[in-house]
Amino acid sequence: MVSAFAMEYTPITNRMMIGVSCSKGGTSINLWQPDGAFLNDAISRYHTAASWLTDNGYTIKHKFMVWCQGETDADHGMAGEEYRTKLKRMIDAMVSAGLERCYIVRIGCHRDHPTLYDEIMLAQTDLCRTYSNAVLVSTRFASMAAEGLMKDPFHYTQKGYNITGADAGRNTALHITLNQEPQLYDPKSQSLYLSRK
């Protein structure tokens, strides 16, 4: 997904993108809370990369994170409000560490239980409508099961990742260059997503 994101983002912004991987598969938002090992590691990786770039003559124009997580929390029955609170707390910590904002790639549906992830999906959507440091940049994962682009109940085919990564990259680049909230078709609600900010 990252490669497809960068391939869309770069020509729109006309700037090189440096991606710092901090992903940990199958994790709960509980493991990404302030002062926890995973978030501390992400902040450390960000600072290390930023220092290296600056020390080597690069100018960093935008500093942001892209977030796609939540399936594990839905599998374990976490309430949407709890997830929303913990996601915001995590983003606040990253912003305090020097990032501008978080671009959210919303999770999709469980292939075999289409409503299992609804509460977490709604929490992510609502947070992006009300919290200025979170911007929803893709809802495309929600249509992957219907399009036959899932390889198991939880994961997507490479084509599915490419489609969603490109969508997120394009919407992130347009948000940065035009300073406008993305308008996305939401396959889950079968309506247009509009931010209320």
N, C-alpha and C. Protein backbone atom coordinates (compact mmCIF):
# COMPACT_ATOMS: atom_id res chain seq x y z
N MET A 1 0.82 -1.19 0.00
CA MET A 1 0.00 0.00 0.00
C MET A 1 0.87 1.26 0.00
N VAL A 2 2.02 1.21 0.67
CA VAL A 2 2.88 2.40 0.78
C VAL A 2 3.41 2.83 -0.58
N SER A 3 3.82 1.88 -1.40
CA SER A 3 4.35 2.24 -2.73
C SER A 3 3.28 2.92 -3.57
N ALA A 4 2.06 2.39 -3.55
CA ALA A 4 0.98 3.00 -4.32
C ALA A 4 0.65 4.39 -3.78
N PHE A 5 0.72 4.55 -2.47
CA PHE A 5 0.50 5.86 -1.85
C PHE A 5 1.53 6.86 -2.39
N ALA A 6 2.81 6.50 -2.34
CA ALA A 6 3.88 7.40 -2.76
C ALA A 6 3.79 7.73 -4.25
N MET A 7 3.41 6.76 -5.06
CA MET A 7 3.32 7.00 -6.50
C MET A 7 2.23 7.99 -6.86
N GLU A 8 1.19 8.10 -6.05
CA GLU A 8 0.15 9.11 -6.28
C GLU A 8 0.52 10.44 -5.62
N TYR A 9 1.07 10.38 -4.44
CA TYR A 9 1.38 11.57 -3.67
C TYR A 9 2.46 12.44 -4.35
N THR A 10 3.51 11.81 -4.83
CA THR A 10 4.68 12.54 -5.32
C THR A 10 4.39 13.45 -6.51
N PRO A 11 3.74 13.00 -7.58
CA PRO A 11 3.53 13.91 -8.72
C PRO A 11 2.55 15.05 -8.43
N ILE A 12 1.62 14.84 -7.51
CA ILE A 12 0.66 15.89 -7.18
C ILE A 12 1.34 17.00 -6.36
N THR A 13 2.16 16.61 -5.39
CA THR A 13 2.84 17.59 -4.54
C THR A 13 4.13 18.10 -5.16
N ASN A 14 4.65 17.35 -6.13
CA ASN A 14 5.94 17.67 -6.74
C ASN A 14 7.06 17.68 -5.70
N ARG A 15 6.94 16.80 -4.72
CA ARG A 15 7.95 16.67 -3.67
C ARG A 15 8.22 15.20 -3.41
N MET A 16 9.47 14.91 -3.06
CA MET A 16 9.85 13.56 -2.67
C MET A 16 9.19 13.21 -1.34
N MET A 17 8.76 11.97 -1.21
CA MET A 17 8.19 11.50 0.05
C MET A 17 9.13 10.50 0.69
N ILE A 18 9.40 10.67 1.94
CA ILE A 18 10.21 9.72 2.72
C ILE A 18 9.26 9.01 3.68
N GLY A 19 9.16 7.71 3.55
CA GLY A 19 8.31 6.93 4.44
C GLY A 19 9.13 6.22 5.50
N VAL A 20 8.71 6.33 6.75
CA VAL A 20 9.37 5.67 7.87
C VAL A 20 8.42 4.59 8.39
N SER A 21 8.76 3.35 8.19
CA SER A 21 7.87 2.25 8.58
C SER A 21 7.88 2.06 10.09
N CYS A 22 6.71 2.03 10.68
CA CYS A 22 6.55 1.76 12.11
C CYS A 22 5.43 0.74 12.35
N SER A 23 5.04 0.03 11.32
CA SER A 23 3.88 -0.85 11.41
C SER A 23 4.17 -2.10 12.24
N LYS A 24 3.15 -2.54 12.93
CA LYS A 24 3.18 -3.78 13.70
C LYS A 24 1.85 -4.48 13.45
N GLY A 25 1.86 -5.57 12.73
CA GLY A 25 0.64 -6.24 12.33
C GLY A 25 -0.15 -6.82 13.49
N GLY A 26 -1.47 -6.76 13.38
CA GLY A 26 -2.36 -7.41 14.34
C GLY A 26 -2.37 -6.80 15.73
N THR A 27 -2.04 -5.52 15.85
CA THR A 27 -1.96 -4.92 17.18
C THR A 27 -3.23 -4.15 17.54
N SER A 28 -3.46 -4.06 18.84
CA SER A 28 -4.56 -3.28 19.39
C SER A 28 -4.12 -1.83 19.58
N ILE A 29 -5.06 -0.91 19.55
CA ILE A 29 -4.78 0.49 19.85
C ILE A 29 -4.22 0.62 21.27
N ASN A 30 -4.52 -0.35 22.14
CA ASN A 30 -3.98 -0.33 23.51
C ASN A 30 -2.46 -0.33 23.51
N LEU A 31 -1.85 -0.95 22.51
CA LEU A 31 -0.40 -1.03 22.45
C LEU A 31 0.25 0.22 21.87
N TRP A 32 -0.56 1.18 21.40
CA TRP A 32 -0.06 2.39 20.78
C TRP A 32 -0.32 3.63 21.63
N GLN A 33 -0.45 3.45 22.91
CA GLN A 33 -0.73 4.58 23.79
C GLN A 33 0.56 5.28 24.24
N PRO A 34 0.45 6.56 24.63
CA PRO A 34 1.64 7.32 25.04
C PRO A 34 2.43 6.59 26.12
N ASP A 35 3.75 6.67 25.98
CA ASP A 35 4.73 6.05 26.87
C ASP A 35 4.79 4.53 26.73
N GLY A 36 4.05 3.96 25.77
CA GLY A 36 4.17 2.54 25.49
C GLY A 36 5.30 2.28 24.51
N ALA A 37 5.77 1.04 24.46
CA ALA A 37 6.94 0.69 23.65
C ALA A 37 6.71 0.96 22.16
N PHE A 38 5.52 0.64 21.64
CA PHE A 38 5.30 0.79 20.19
C PHE A 38 5.30 2.26 19.78
N LEU A 39 4.60 3.10 20.56
CA LEU A 39 4.55 4.51 20.20
C LEU A 39 5.91 5.18 20.42
N ASN A 40 6.59 4.82 21.50
CA ASN A 40 7.93 5.37 21.72
C ASN A 40 8.87 5.00 20.58
N ASP A 41 8.74 3.78 20.07
CA ASP A 41 9.57 3.35 18.95
C ASP A 41 9.24 4.16 17.70
N ALA A 42 7.96 4.39 17.44
CA ALA A 42 7.56 5.18 16.27
C ALA A 42 8.11 6.61 16.37
N ILE A 43 8.00 7.22 17.55
CA ILE A 43 8.50 8.57 17.74
C ILE A 43 10.01 8.61 17.57
N SER A 44 10.70 7.61 18.10
CA SER A 44 12.16 7.53 17.95
C SER A 44 12.57 7.38 16.49
N ARG A 45 11.85 6.54 15.75
CA ARG A 45 12.16 6.37 14.32
C ARG A 45 11.93 7.68 13.55
N TYR A 46 10.84 8.37 13.89
CA TYR A 46 10.58 9.65 13.24
C TYR A 46 11.70 10.65 13.52
N HIS A 47 12.10 10.79 14.78
CA HIS A 47 13.15 11.74 15.13
C HIS A 47 14.48 11.37 14.48
N THR A 48 14.79 10.09 14.44
CA THR A 48 16.04 9.64 13.80
C THR A 48 16.05 9.99 12.32
N ALA A 49 14.94 9.71 11.64
CA ALA A 49 14.86 10.02 10.20
C ALA A 49 14.91 11.52 9.96
N ALA A 50 14.17 12.29 10.75
CA ALA A 50 14.16 13.75 10.57
C ALA A 50 15.54 14.34 10.81
N SER A 51 16.23 13.86 11.83
CA SER A 51 17.59 14.36 12.11
C SER A 51 18.54 14.03 10.98
N TRP A 52 18.46 12.81 10.47
CA TRP A 52 19.36 12.42 9.37
C TRP A 52 19.10 13.29 8.14
N LEU A 53 17.85 13.49 7.81
CA LEU A 53 17.52 14.30 6.63
C LEU A 53 18.02 15.73 6.80
N THR A 54 17.77 16.33 7.95
CA THR A 54 18.21 17.70 8.20
C THR A 54 19.74 17.79 8.18
N ASP A 55 20.40 16.84 8.83
CA ASP A 55 21.87 16.84 8.87
C ASP A 55 22.49 16.66 7.50
N ASN A 56 21.74 16.08 6.57
CA ASN A 56 22.26 15.84 5.23
C ASN A 56 21.71 16.82 4.19
N GLY A 57 21.21 17.95 4.65
CA GLY A 57 20.86 19.04 3.75
C GLY A 57 19.47 19.01 3.16
N TYR A 58 18.60 18.14 3.66
CA TYR A 58 17.23 18.10 3.15
C TYR A 58 16.34 19.05 3.94
N THR A 59 15.40 19.66 3.27
CA THR A 59 14.40 20.49 3.92
C THR A 59 13.11 19.69 4.03
N ILE A 60 12.61 19.55 5.22
CA ILE A 60 11.38 18.80 5.45
C ILE A 60 10.22 19.78 5.45
N LYS A 61 9.33 19.65 4.49
CA LYS A 61 8.22 20.59 4.37
C LYS A 61 7.01 20.15 5.17
N HIS A 62 6.63 18.88 5.06
CA HIS A 62 5.46 18.37 5.78
C HIS A 62 5.86 17.12 6.55
N LYS A 63 5.31 16.99 7.74
CA LYS A 63 5.58 15.84 8.60
C LYS A 63 4.24 15.28 9.05
N PHE A 64 3.91 14.10 8.59
CA PHE A 64 2.61 13.53 8.94
C PHE A 64 2.71 12.03 9.05
N MET A 65 1.70 11.43 9.63
CA MET A 65 1.63 9.98 9.71
C MET A 65 0.40 9.50 8.96
N VAL A 66 0.47 8.26 8.48
CA VAL A 66 -0.66 7.60 7.85
C VAL A 66 -1.00 6.40 8.71
N TRP A 67 -2.27 6.27 9.09
CA TRP A 67 -2.67 5.25 10.06
C TRP A 67 -3.75 4.35 9.48
N CYS A 68 -3.54 3.04 9.57
CA CYS A 68 -4.55 2.06 9.19
C CYS A 68 -4.46 0.91 10.20
N GLN A 69 -5.39 0.86 11.11
CA GLN A 69 -5.37 -0.11 12.21
C GLN A 69 -6.75 -0.15 12.82
N GLY A 70 -7.10 -1.22 13.49
CA GLY A 70 -8.37 -1.29 14.21
C GLY A 70 -9.10 -2.61 14.14
N GLU A 71 -8.70 -3.45 13.19
CA GLU A 71 -9.40 -4.74 13.04
C GLU A 71 -9.30 -5.58 14.31
N THR A 72 -8.12 -5.62 14.92
CA THR A 72 -7.93 -6.41 16.13
C THR A 72 -8.83 -5.92 17.25
N ASP A 73 -8.97 -4.60 17.37
CA ASP A 73 -9.84 -4.05 18.42
C ASP A 73 -11.30 -4.43 18.16
N ALA A 74 -11.71 -4.42 16.89
CA ALA A 74 -13.07 -4.84 16.56
C ALA A 74 -13.25 -6.33 16.85
N ASP A 75 -12.25 -7.14 16.51
CA ASP A 75 -12.32 -8.58 16.80
C ASP A 75 -12.51 -8.84 18.29
N HIS A 76 -11.91 -7.98 19.12
CA HIS A 76 -11.98 -8.17 20.58
C HIS A 76 -13.14 -7.43 21.22
N GLY A 77 -13.99 -6.80 20.39
CA GLY A 77 -15.20 -6.19 20.91
C GLY A 77 -15.03 -4.84 21.59
N MET A 78 -13.95 -4.12 21.27
CA MET A 78 -13.76 -2.80 21.88
C MET A 78 -14.88 -1.86 21.45
N ALA A 79 -15.40 -1.10 22.37
CA ALA A 79 -16.45 -0.12 22.07
C ALA A 79 -15.87 1.00 21.21
N GLY A 80 -16.68 1.52 20.34
CA GLY A 80 -16.23 2.58 19.44
C GLY A 80 -15.71 3.80 20.17
N GLU A 81 -16.39 4.22 21.24
CA GLU A 81 -15.97 5.42 21.97
C GLU A 81 -14.61 5.22 22.65
N GLU A 82 -14.38 4.03 23.18
CA GLU A 82 -13.06 3.74 23.77
C GLU A 82 -11.98 3.79 22.70
N TYR A 83 -12.26 3.20 21.54
CA TYR A 83 -11.27 3.22 20.45
C TYR A 83 -11.00 4.66 20.02
N ARG A 84 -12.05 5.43 19.87
CA ARG A 84 -11.92 6.82 19.42
C ARG A 84 -11.04 7.62 20.38
N THR A 85 -11.29 7.46 21.69
CA THR A 85 -10.52 8.16 22.72
C THR A 85 -9.05 7.77 22.65
N LYS A 86 -8.78 6.48 22.48
CA LYS A 86 -7.40 6.01 22.48
C LYS A 86 -6.68 6.38 21.18
N LEU A 87 -7.41 6.39 20.06
CA LEU A 87 -6.80 6.82 18.80
C LEU A 87 -6.42 8.30 18.88
N LYS A 88 -7.31 9.12 19.42
CA LYS A 88 -7.02 10.54 19.57
C LYS A 88 -5.82 10.76 20.49
N ARG A 89 -5.75 10.01 21.57
CA ARG A 89 -4.63 10.13 22.51
C ARG A 89 -3.32 9.80 21.81
N MET A 90 -3.33 8.77 20.97
CA MET A 90 -2.13 8.39 20.24
C MET A 90 -1.72 9.49 19.25
N ILE A 91 -2.70 10.03 18.52
CA ILE A 91 -2.39 11.09 17.56
C ILE A 91 -1.87 12.33 18.28
N ASP A 92 -2.48 12.68 19.40
CA ASP A 92 -2.01 13.82 20.18
C ASP A 92 -0.53 13.66 20.54
N ALA A 93 -0.13 12.47 20.91
CA ALA A 93 1.27 12.22 21.27
C ALA A 93 2.18 12.39 20.07
N MET A 94 1.74 11.94 18.90
CA MET A 94 2.55 12.09 17.69
C MET A 94 2.65 13.56 17.28
N VAL A 95 1.57 14.31 17.43
CA VAL A 95 1.60 15.74 17.13
C VAL A 95 2.54 16.45 18.10
N SER A 96 2.49 16.08 19.38
CA SER A 96 3.41 16.67 20.36
C SER A 96 4.86 16.36 20.04
N ALA A 97 5.09 15.23 19.37
CA ALA A 97 6.45 14.85 18.98
C ALA A 97 6.94 15.58 17.73
N GLY A 98 6.03 16.32 17.06
CA GLY A 98 6.47 17.12 15.92
C GLY A 98 5.73 16.90 14.62
N LEU A 99 4.79 15.94 14.58
CA LEU A 99 4.05 15.73 13.35
C LEU A 99 2.90 16.73 13.23
N GLU A 100 2.50 17.01 12.01
CA GLU A 100 1.41 17.98 11.78
C GLU A 100 0.04 17.37 12.02
N ARG A 101 -0.15 16.16 11.53
CA ARG A 101 -1.48 15.54 11.62
C ARG A 101 -1.37 14.06 11.26
N CYS A 102 -2.51 13.39 11.35
CA CYS A 102 -2.61 11.97 11.00
C CYS A 102 -3.62 11.81 9.88
N TYR A 103 -3.21 11.15 8.81
CA TYR A 103 -4.11 10.82 7.71
C TYR A 103 -4.57 9.38 7.91
N ILE A 104 -5.88 9.21 7.98
CA ILE A 104 -6.46 7.90 8.32
C ILE A 104 -6.97 7.17 7.09
N VAL A 105 -6.45 5.96 6.91
CA VAL A 105 -7.00 5.01 5.94
C VAL A 105 -7.92 4.11 6.76
N ARG A 106 -9.21 4.31 6.59
CA ARG A 106 -10.16 3.58 7.44
C ARG A 106 -10.13 2.08 7.14
N ILE A 107 -10.32 1.29 8.19
CA ILE A 107 -10.34 -0.16 7.99
C ILE A 107 -11.55 -0.54 7.15
N GLY A 108 -11.50 -1.77 6.63
CA GLY A 108 -12.61 -2.29 5.85
C GLY A 108 -13.46 -3.25 6.64
N CYS A 109 -14.20 -4.07 5.94
CA CYS A 109 -15.11 -5.03 6.57
C CYS A 109 -14.44 -6.39 6.69
N HIS A 110 -14.80 -7.13 7.72
CA HIS A 110 -14.43 -8.54 7.81
C HIS A 110 -15.13 -9.26 6.66
N ARG A 111 -14.39 -10.08 5.94
CA ARG A 111 -14.97 -10.72 4.75
C ARG A 111 -16.18 -11.58 5.06
N ASP A 112 -16.13 -12.34 6.17
CA ASP A 112 -17.18 -13.30 6.46
C ASP A 112 -18.24 -12.79 7.44
N HIS A 113 -17.97 -11.68 8.10
CA HIS A 113 -18.91 -11.06 9.05
C HIS A 113 -18.96 -9.57 8.74
N PRO A 114 -19.74 -9.16 7.75
CA PRO A 114 -19.67 -7.81 7.19
C PRO A 114 -19.93 -6.66 8.16
N THR A 115 -20.58 -6.92 9.30
CA THR A 115 -20.86 -5.83 10.24
C THR A 115 -19.94 -5.83 11.46
N LEU A 116 -19.04 -6.80 11.55
CA LEU A 116 -18.19 -6.95 12.74
C LEU A 116 -17.35 -5.72 13.03
N TYR A 117 -16.90 -5.02 12.00
CA TYR A 117 -15.98 -3.89 12.17
C TYR A 117 -16.69 -2.54 12.13
N ASP A 118 -18.01 -2.56 12.08
CA ASP A 118 -18.77 -1.31 11.92
C ASP A 118 -18.48 -0.28 12.99
N GLU A 119 -18.41 -0.71 14.25
CA GLU A 119 -18.25 0.26 15.34
C GLU A 119 -16.90 0.98 15.26
N ILE A 120 -15.85 0.24 14.92
CA ILE A 120 -14.52 0.86 14.80
C ILE A 120 -14.47 1.75 13.56
N MET A 121 -15.08 1.30 12.47
CA MET A 121 -15.13 2.14 11.27
C MET A 121 -15.84 3.45 11.56
N LEU A 122 -16.94 3.39 12.28
CA LEU A 122 -17.69 4.60 12.62
C LEU A 122 -16.87 5.50 13.54
N ALA A 123 -16.15 4.91 14.49
CA ALA A 123 -15.31 5.70 15.40
C ALA A 123 -14.23 6.45 14.61
N GLN A 124 -13.61 5.78 13.65
CA GLN A 124 -12.59 6.44 12.84
C GLN A 124 -13.19 7.56 12.01
N THR A 125 -14.35 7.31 11.42
CA THR A 125 -15.02 8.32 10.60
C THR A 125 -15.41 9.52 11.43
N ASP A 126 -16.01 9.29 12.58
CA ASP A 126 -16.45 10.38 13.43
C ASP A 126 -15.29 11.20 13.97
N LEU A 127 -14.18 10.54 14.32
CA LEU A 127 -13.01 11.28 14.80
C LEU A 127 -12.52 12.25 13.73
N CYS A 128 -12.48 11.80 12.49
CA CYS A 128 -12.00 12.66 11.41
C CYS A 128 -12.96 13.81 11.13
N ARG A 129 -14.21 13.66 11.49
CA ARG A 129 -15.18 14.75 11.30
C ARG A 129 -15.05 15.84 12.37
N THR A 130 -14.48 15.49 13.52
CA THR A 130 -14.53 16.41 14.65
C THR A 130 -13.16 16.84 15.18
N TYR A 131 -12.11 16.21 14.74
CA TYR A 131 -10.77 16.43 15.32
C TYR A 131 -9.84 16.91 14.22
N SER A 132 -9.32 18.12 14.37
CA SER A 132 -8.57 18.76 13.28
C SER A 132 -7.26 18.06 12.94
N ASN A 133 -6.72 17.26 13.84
CA ASN A 133 -5.45 16.58 13.56
C ASN A 133 -5.62 15.23 12.87
N ALA A 134 -6.86 14.85 12.57
CA ALA A 134 -7.13 13.59 11.88
C ALA A 134 -7.93 13.87 10.60
N VAL A 135 -7.45 13.33 9.48
CA VAL A 135 -8.10 13.55 8.18
C VAL A 135 -8.34 12.19 7.53
N LEU A 136 -9.58 11.91 7.19
CA LEU A 136 -9.92 10.65 6.51
C LEU A 136 -9.53 10.76 5.04
N VAL A 137 -8.66 9.85 4.57
CA VAL A 137 -8.19 9.94 3.18
C VAL A 137 -8.56 8.73 2.33
N SER A 138 -9.11 7.69 2.93
CA SER A 138 -9.62 6.59 2.11
C SER A 138 -10.63 5.75 2.88
N THR A 139 -11.68 5.38 2.17
CA THR A 139 -12.69 4.44 2.67
C THR A 139 -12.76 3.20 1.77
N ARG A 140 -11.79 3.08 0.87
CA ARG A 140 -11.86 2.05 -0.18
C ARG A 140 -11.83 0.62 0.35
N PHE A 141 -11.21 0.38 1.50
CA PHE A 141 -11.18 -0.99 2.01
C PHE A 141 -12.58 -1.53 2.26
N ALA A 142 -13.56 -0.66 2.48
CA ALA A 142 -14.93 -1.11 2.79
C ALA A 142 -15.58 -1.84 1.62
N SER A 143 -15.08 -1.64 0.41
CA SER A 143 -15.70 -2.30 -0.76
C SER A 143 -14.91 -3.51 -1.24
N MET A 144 -13.82 -3.84 -0.60
CA MET A 144 -12.93 -4.90 -1.09
C MET A 144 -13.59 -6.28 -1.09
N ALA A 145 -14.35 -6.60 -0.05
CA ALA A 145 -15.00 -7.92 0.00
C ALA A 145 -15.97 -8.06 -1.16
N ALA A 146 -16.78 -7.04 -1.39
CA ALA A 146 -17.77 -7.09 -2.48
C ALA A 146 -17.09 -7.15 -3.84
N GLU A 147 -15.89 -6.58 -3.96
CA GLU A 147 -15.17 -6.59 -5.23
C GLU A 147 -14.30 -7.84 -5.41
N GLY A 148 -14.33 -8.76 -4.43
CA GLY A 148 -13.53 -9.98 -4.52
C GLY A 148 -12.04 -9.73 -4.37
N LEU A 149 -11.67 -8.70 -3.59
CA LEU A 149 -10.27 -8.32 -3.45
C LEU A 149 -9.72 -8.63 -2.06
N MET A 150 -10.26 -9.70 -1.44
CA MET A 150 -9.73 -10.16 -0.15
C MET A 150 -9.19 -11.56 -0.31
N LYS A 151 -8.01 -11.81 0.25
CA LYS A 151 -7.40 -13.13 0.14
C LYS A 151 -7.70 -14.03 1.33
N ASP A 152 -8.23 -13.44 2.41
CA ASP A 152 -8.69 -14.19 3.58
C ASP A 152 -9.67 -13.27 4.32
N PRO A 153 -10.20 -13.69 5.46
CA PRO A 153 -11.20 -12.84 6.13
C PRO A 153 -10.71 -11.45 6.55
N PHE A 154 -9.38 -11.26 6.64
CA PHE A 154 -8.83 -10.02 7.20
C PHE A 154 -8.00 -9.20 6.22
N HIS A 155 -7.37 -9.87 5.25
CA HIS A 155 -6.36 -9.22 4.40
C HIS A 155 -6.82 -9.09 2.95
N TYR A 156 -6.21 -8.13 2.26
CA TYR A 156 -6.60 -7.81 0.89
C TYR A 156 -5.58 -8.36 -0.08
N THR A 157 -5.98 -8.48 -1.33
CA THR A 157 -5.04 -8.85 -2.38
C THR A 157 -4.14 -7.64 -2.65
N GLN A 158 -3.04 -7.88 -3.37
CA GLN A 158 -2.16 -6.76 -3.69
C GLN A 158 -2.90 -5.69 -4.49
N LYS A 159 -3.78 -6.12 -5.36
CA LYS A 159 -4.57 -5.15 -6.12
C LYS A 159 -5.40 -4.28 -5.19
N GLY A 160 -5.99 -4.88 -4.16
CA GLY A 160 -6.77 -4.12 -3.20
C GLY A 160 -5.92 -3.11 -2.45
N TYR A 161 -4.72 -3.52 -2.03
CA TYR A 161 -3.81 -2.59 -1.35
C TYR A 161 -3.39 -1.47 -2.30
N ASN A 162 -3.14 -1.80 -3.55
CA ASN A 162 -2.73 -0.78 -4.52
C ASN A 162 -3.83 0.26 -4.73
N ILE A 163 -5.08 -0.20 -4.88
CA ILE A 163 -6.21 0.71 -5.08
C ILE A 163 -6.35 1.65 -3.89
N THR A 164 -6.31 1.09 -2.69
CA THR A 164 -6.51 1.90 -1.49
C THR A 164 -5.31 2.82 -1.24
N GLY A 165 -4.11 2.32 -1.45
CA GLY A 165 -2.92 3.16 -1.27
C GLY A 165 -2.92 4.35 -2.21
N ALA A 166 -3.30 4.11 -3.47
CA ALA A 166 -3.36 5.21 -4.45
C ALA A 166 -4.43 6.22 -4.06
N ASP A 167 -5.58 5.74 -3.61
CA ASP A 167 -6.66 6.62 -3.17
C ASP A 167 -6.20 7.50 -2.01
N ALA A 168 -5.56 6.87 -1.02
CA ALA A 168 -5.08 7.62 0.15
C ALA A 168 -3.98 8.60 -0.23
N GLY A 169 -3.06 8.19 -1.10
CA GLY A 169 -1.99 9.08 -1.53
C GLY A 169 -2.51 10.31 -2.26
N ARG A 170 -3.47 10.08 -3.15
CA ARG A 170 -4.06 11.18 -3.92
C ARG A 170 -4.79 12.16 -2.99
N ASN A 171 -5.60 11.63 -2.07
CA ASN A 171 -6.37 12.49 -1.18
C ASN A 171 -5.48 13.22 -0.16
N THR A 172 -4.41 12.57 0.28
CA THR A 172 -3.47 13.24 1.17
C THR A 172 -2.77 14.37 0.44
N ALA A 173 -2.31 14.12 -0.77
CA ALA A 173 -1.63 15.15 -1.56
C ALA A 173 -2.54 16.34 -1.84
N LEU A 174 -3.79 16.07 -2.16
CA LEU A 174 -4.74 17.16 -2.44
C LEU A 174 -5.04 17.94 -1.17
N HIS A 175 -5.11 17.25 -0.04
CA HIS A 175 -5.33 17.96 1.22
C HIS A 175 -4.16 18.89 1.52
N ILE A 176 -2.95 18.41 1.29
CA ILE A 176 -1.76 19.21 1.57
C ILE A 176 -1.63 20.38 0.59
N THR A 177 -1.89 20.14 -0.68
CA THR A 177 -1.69 21.20 -1.67
C THR A 177 -2.84 22.20 -1.72
N LEU A 178 -4.07 21.75 -1.46
CA LEU A 178 -5.23 22.63 -1.56
C LEU A 178 -5.80 23.04 -0.20
N ASN A 179 -5.35 22.36 0.86
CA ASN A 179 -5.85 22.60 2.21
C ASN A 179 -7.37 22.45 2.29
N GLN A 180 -7.87 21.42 1.60
CA GLN A 180 -9.30 21.13 1.62
C GLN A 180 -9.52 19.70 2.09
N GLU A 181 -10.57 19.52 2.87
CA GLU A 181 -10.91 18.18 3.33
C GLU A 181 -11.34 17.32 2.15
N PRO A 182 -10.88 16.06 2.12
CA PRO A 182 -11.31 15.16 1.03
C PRO A 182 -12.82 14.89 1.08
N GLN A 183 -13.41 14.76 -0.09
CA GLN A 183 -14.79 14.30 -0.21
C GLN A 183 -14.73 12.91 -0.81
N LEU A 184 -15.16 11.94 -0.04
CA LEU A 184 -14.99 10.54 -0.41
C LEU A 184 -16.34 9.85 -0.50
N TYR A 185 -16.47 8.94 -1.45
CA TYR A 185 -17.63 8.06 -1.44
C TYR A 185 -17.37 6.97 -0.42
N ASP A 186 -18.32 6.77 0.47
CA ASP A 186 -18.17 5.77 1.52
C ASP A 186 -19.00 4.53 1.15
N PRO A 187 -18.33 3.46 0.73
CA PRO A 187 -19.07 2.24 0.34
C PRO A 187 -19.89 1.64 1.48
N LYS A 188 -19.46 1.88 2.71
CA LYS A 188 -20.16 1.29 3.85
C LYS A 188 -21.53 1.95 4.04
N SER A 189 -21.56 3.28 4.03
CA SER A 189 -22.82 3.99 4.21
C SER A 189 -23.52 4.27 2.89
N GLN A 190 -22.84 3.96 1.79
CA GLN A 190 -23.33 4.24 0.42
C GLN A 190 -23.73 5.70 0.28
N SER A 191 -22.84 6.56 0.79
CA SER A 191 -23.08 8.00 0.70
C SER A 191 -21.74 8.72 0.61
N LEU A 192 -21.80 10.01 0.37
CA LEU A 192 -20.60 10.82 0.27
C LEU A 192 -20.16 11.22 1.67
N TYR A 193 -18.89 10.96 1.97
CA TYR A 193 -18.33 11.40 3.25
C TYR A 193 -17.96 12.87 3.14
N LEU A 194 -18.49 13.69 4.03
CA LEU A 194 -18.16 15.10 4.09
C LEU A 194 -17.73 15.42 5.51
N SER A 195 -16.57 16.07 5.64
CA SER A 195 -16.14 16.48 6.96
C SER A 195 -17.02 17.62 7.45
N ARG A 196 -17.25 17.66 8.75
CA ARG A 196 -18.01 18.77 9.34
C ARG A 196 -17.11 19.86 9.89
N LYS A 197 -15.81 19.73 9.68
CA LYS A 197 -14.89 20.72 10.25
C LYS A 197 -15.12 22.07 9.64
